Protein backbone atom coordinates (compact mmCIF):
# COMPACT_ATOMS: atom_id res chain seq x y z
CA UNK A 1 22.89 198.78 103.78
CA UNK A 2 24.94 199.06 100.42
CA UNK A 3 28.38 200.65 101.05
CA UNK A 4 30.62 201.49 98.07
CA UNK A 5 34.38 200.33 98.46
CA UNK A 6 37.17 201.77 96.67
CA UNK A 7 38.86 199.90 94.00
CA UNK A 8 42.65 199.23 93.49
CA UNK A 9 43.58 199.04 89.99
CA UNK A 10 45.61 195.79 89.07
CA UNK A 11 46.83 197.42 85.75
CA UNK A 12 46.54 194.05 84.14
CA UNK A 13 44.98 194.48 80.68
CA UNK A 14 41.34 193.89 80.47
CA UNK A 15 41.30 192.37 84.29
CA UNK A 16 40.22 195.58 85.66
CA UNK A 17 37.28 195.85 83.34
CA UNK A 18 36.05 192.59 84.38
CA UNK A 19 36.36 193.29 88.07
CA UNK A 20 34.45 196.66 87.86
CA UNK A 21 37.45 198.79 88.09
CA UNK A 22 39.90 196.55 90.11
CA UNK A 23 40.08 194.74 93.61
CA UNK A 24 37.93 196.14 96.47
CA UNK A 25 39.99 198.13 98.74
CA UNK A 26 40.47 196.37 102.17
CA UNK A 27 39.67 192.89 100.91
CA UNK A 28 41.80 189.82 101.59
CA UNK A 29 42.28 188.22 98.18
CA UNK A 30 43.86 184.72 97.72
CA UNK A 31 46.28 184.38 94.84
CA UNK A 32 46.27 180.55 94.34
CA UNK A 33 48.11 178.37 91.97
CA UNK A 34 50.98 176.02 91.20
CA UNK A 35 54.62 176.83 91.09
CA UNK A 36 55.51 178.70 87.97
CA UNK A 37 51.94 180.29 87.27
CA UNK A 38 53.54 183.89 87.92
CA UNK A 39 51.59 184.46 91.09
CA UNK A 40 54.35 186.26 92.82
CA UNK A 41 55.30 188.55 89.80
CA UNK A 42 51.62 189.12 89.20
CA UNK A 43 51.24 190.39 92.92
CA UNK A 44 54.39 192.38 92.82
CA UNK A 45 53.33 194.09 89.31
CA UNK A 46 50.23 195.27 90.92
CA UNK A 47 52.38 197.16 93.59
CA UNK A 48 54.74 198.39 90.97
CA UNK A 49 52.04 199.66 88.62
CA UNK A 50 50.13 201.50 91.21
CA UNK A 51 53.64 203.11 92.51
CA UNK A 52 54.55 204.08 89.17
CA UNK A 53 51.17 205.31 87.82
CA UNK A 54 49.56 206.93 90.90
CA UNK A 55 52.61 207.04 93.33
CA UNK A 56 50.74 204.58 95.74
CA UNK A 57 52.82 203.15 98.57
CA UNK A 58 52.63 199.33 99.26
CA UNK A 59 54.61 196.58 100.89
CA UNK A 60 55.60 193.01 99.85
CA UNK A 61 56.43 190.74 102.70
CA UNK A 62 58.25 187.53 101.40
CA UNK A 63 58.65 184.64 103.58
CA UNK A 64 60.17 182.19 100.91
CA UNK A 65 62.96 184.07 99.39
CA UNK A 66 65.14 187.00 100.16
CA UNK A 67 64.73 190.55 99.38
CA UNK A 68 67.64 190.60 97.18
CA UNK A 69 66.45 187.71 95.16
CA UNK A 70 62.85 188.95 94.97
CA UNK A 71 63.82 192.45 93.80
CA UNK A 72 66.31 190.64 91.07
CA UNK A 73 63.60 188.54 89.79
CA UNK A 74 61.06 191.63 89.41
CA UNK A 75 63.95 193.45 87.76
CA UNK A 76 64.40 190.69 85.00
CA UNK A 77 60.67 191.65 84.26
CA UNK A 78 61.59 195.17 83.54
CA UNK A 79 60.00 196.50 86.96
CA UNK A 80 63.24 198.78 87.57
CA UNK A 81 61.85 202.39 87.75
CA UNK A 82 63.67 203.85 90.97
CA UNK A 83 60.71 206.16 91.81
CA UNK A 84 58.35 203.32 91.58
CA UNK A 85 60.26 200.88 93.66
CA UNK A 86 60.87 203.64 96.27
CA UNK A 87 57.16 203.46 97.33
CA UNK A 88 57.35 199.52 97.73
CA UNK A 89 58.62 198.27 101.07
CA UNK A 90 60.24 194.82 100.58
CA UNK A 91 60.49 192.79 103.93
CA UNK A 92 61.66 188.95 104.01
CA UNK A 93 62.17 186.35 106.13
CA UNK A 94 65.56 187.12 107.02
CA UNK A 95 64.45 190.13 109.25
CA UNK A 96 62.48 187.63 111.38
CA UNK A 97 65.22 185.00 111.53
CA UNK A 98 67.66 187.85 112.84
CA UNK A 99 65.41 188.91 115.59
CA UNK A 100 64.14 185.62 116.87
CA UNK A 101 66.34 185.83 119.94
CA UNK A 102 64.80 189.19 120.70
CA UNK A 103 61.43 187.85 120.66
CA UNK A 104 62.18 184.87 123.17
CA UNK A 105 59.77 185.24 126.10
CA UNK A 106 57.78 187.85 124.22
CA UNK A 107 55.58 185.67 121.83
CA UNK A 108 55.63 183.42 118.89
CA UNK A 109 56.94 183.53 115.46
CA UNK A 110 53.50 184.78 114.17
CA UNK A 111 53.72 187.49 116.77
CA UNK A 112 56.93 188.63 115.11
CA UNK A 113 55.45 188.49 111.77
CA UNK A 114 52.59 190.63 112.91
CA UNK A 115 54.85 193.12 114.62
CA UNK A 116 56.86 193.70 111.31
CA UNK A 117 53.47 194.17 109.11
CA UNK A 118 52.03 196.44 111.66
CA UNK A 119 55.15 198.48 111.85
CA UNK A 120 54.99 198.62 108.17
CA UNK A 121 51.49 199.95 108.11
CA UNK A 122 52.19 202.43 110.83
CA UNK A 123 55.34 203.89 108.91
CA UNK A 124 53.50 204.54 105.77
CA UNK A 125 49.83 204.79 104.49
CA UNK A 126 50.08 201.47 102.35
CA UNK A 127 47.33 200.91 99.69
CA UNK A 128 48.35 196.95 99.32
CA UNK A 129 50.20 194.56 101.28
CA UNK A 130 51.41 191.18 99.73
CA UNK A 131 52.00 188.21 101.84
CA UNK A 132 54.26 185.54 99.94
CA UNK A 133 53.14 183.01 101.21
CA UNK A 134 50.53 181.61 103.41
CA UNK A 135 51.87 178.16 103.21
CA UNK A 136 55.24 179.22 104.73
CA UNK A 137 53.55 181.45 107.19
CA UNK A 138 51.46 178.59 108.43
CA UNK A 139 54.24 176.24 108.53
CA UNK A 140 56.39 178.48 110.66
CA UNK A 141 53.63 179.33 113.02
CA UNK A 142 52.94 175.66 113.61
CA UNK A 143 49.35 176.26 113.79
CA UNK A 144 47.47 173.44 115.95
CA UNK A 145 43.85 174.28 115.30
CA UNK A 146 44.11 175.35 111.91
CA UNK A 147 40.60 176.42 111.21
CA UNK A 148 40.55 178.78 114.24
CA UNK A 149 43.90 180.08 113.88
CA UNK A 150 43.20 181.08 110.29
CA UNK A 151 40.07 182.56 111.03
CA UNK A 152 41.55 185.03 113.47
CA UNK A 153 44.55 185.45 111.05
CA UNK A 154 42.33 186.54 108.23
CA UNK A 155 40.51 188.80 110.62
CA UNK A 156 43.70 190.60 111.92
CA UNK A 157 44.82 190.95 108.33
CA UNK A 158 41.63 192.86 107.41
CA UNK A 159 42.14 195.04 110.60
CA UNK A 160 45.16 196.46 109.09
CA UNK A 161 43.35 198.25 106.52
CA UNK A 162 45.06 197.82 103.08
CA UNK A 163 44.15 195.44 100.29
CA UNK A 164 45.78 192.17 101.38
CA UNK A 165 47.08 189.85 98.47
CA UNK A 166 47.76 186.44 99.99
CA UNK A 167 49.74 183.99 97.86
CA UNK A 168 49.31 180.32 98.49
CA UNK A 169 50.20 177.08 96.47
CA UNK A 170 47.63 174.91 98.50
CA UNK A 171 45.09 173.17 95.87
CA UNK A 172 41.66 174.73 96.29
CA UNK A 173 39.96 171.31 95.74
CA UNK A 174 37.89 170.01 93.14
CA UNK A 175 35.92 167.05 92.27
CA UNK A 176 34.09 164.30 94.31
CA UNK A 177 35.42 164.02 97.90
CA UNK A 178 37.63 166.90 97.62
CA UNK A 179 36.77 169.99 99.90
CA UNK A 180 38.21 173.54 99.73
CA UNK A 181 40.67 174.56 102.33
CA UNK A 182 39.55 177.08 104.92
CA UNK A 183 41.32 179.80 103.38
CA UNK A 184 39.07 179.52 100.36
CA UNK A 185 36.03 180.39 102.58
CA UNK A 186 37.91 182.92 104.64
CA UNK A 187 39.17 185.16 101.88
CA UNK A 188 37.10 187.92 100.35
CA UNK A 189 38.13 186.96 96.96
CA UNK A 190 40.13 183.93 95.08
CA UNK A 191 41.92 184.59 91.73
CA UNK A 192 43.56 181.04 90.78
CA UNK A 193 46.43 180.52 88.40
CA UNK A 194 46.83 177.66 86.46
CA UNK A 195 49.00 175.84 83.38
CA UNK A 196 46.91 174.30 80.69
CA UNK A 197 48.43 172.11 77.84
CA UNK A 198 46.84 173.50 74.53
CA UNK A 199 48.72 170.87 72.45
CA UNK A 200 51.54 168.33 72.94
CA UNK A 201 54.08 171.12 72.83
CA UNK A 202 52.55 174.09 74.50
CA UNK A 203 51.27 175.10 77.99
CA UNK A 204 49.21 178.20 78.44
CA UNK A 205 49.19 180.28 81.78
CA UNK A 206 45.50 180.88 82.56
CA UNK A 207 43.80 182.98 85.40
CA UNK A 208 40.34 182.71 86.80
CA UNK A 209 38.42 185.02 89.24
CA UNK A 210 36.72 182.02 91.38
CA UNK A 211 35.12 184.48 93.79
CA UNK A 212 35.19 188.51 94.50
CA UNK A 213 32.77 189.72 97.14
CA UNK A 214 30.91 192.88 96.38
CA UNK A 215 31.71 192.23 92.61
CA UNK A 216 29.79 191.05 89.73
CA UNK A 217 32.15 189.14 87.43
CA UNK A 218 32.65 186.34 84.94
CA UNK A 219 34.15 183.08 86.42
CA UNK A 220 35.57 181.57 83.12
CA UNK A 221 39.04 181.07 82.17
CA UNK A 222 41.43 183.82 80.63
CA UNK A 223 44.67 183.32 79.19
CA UNK A 224 47.40 185.26 81.26
CA UNK A 225 50.48 186.62 79.36
CA UNK A 226 53.23 188.99 80.25
CA UNK A 227 54.58 191.31 77.50
CA UNK A 228 56.17 194.87 77.15
CA UNK A 229 56.31 195.25 80.93
CA UNK A 230 52.74 194.45 81.99
CA UNK A 231 50.20 191.64 82.22
CA UNK A 232 47.17 190.88 79.99
CA UNK A 233 44.47 188.57 80.02
CA UNK A 234 42.60 187.42 76.88
CA UNK A 235 39.95 184.69 76.26
CA UNK A 236 41.44 181.29 76.98
CA UNK A 237 42.55 179.47 73.87
CA UNK A 238 41.14 175.77 73.79
CA UNK A 239 43.20 173.06 72.56
CA UNK A 240 43.91 169.17 73.04
CA UNK A 241 46.20 168.13 75.63
């Protein structure tokens, strides 16, 4: 049976055309790449642009740095409109740390993380939830059976309802003898970010839609740039390294 999913626009110039209108609502999409590839900025930009242009409410859960530093960084990129930011709920690791004592005897660190996410979803009708990052979440949760626990985590994330953007720095794996991590199979979509040398002096940020279920899309590389307050992708420039 064919089902038509709604699409959440990324407002990244040219990307929504490639994705058939945007990211499918309700999917868990992995944003994967090395440090410095602007994964977090890319994710926050999607929330910001949807809040700015459509008044959509979203949530950003940062486990790696505090709320203040996150908002300061996004402001440095020009994402400062008060009306837009009022529609973005930002949660951070500090909230969990302050309530660890409360949780003792009531569950695990992962239970508390889930509680915060669930409460945020109940408080408002959110379109997108960003979790930054899967690497920290996994480390704090101290997963013993990674395959099984990740499976149930992804199923729980889907049950929340909104589009989930899950940021990760774990390599996806390529080449002989390297296998993709479990999350690559569990995710409904994967967008990977890379830094590609184009000469002895210059490095180009690149984006590639590795997979996106329910979407016919190209899988080649695009140059990723940020200018005039927004992201844009263009055909990747080739060059010698």
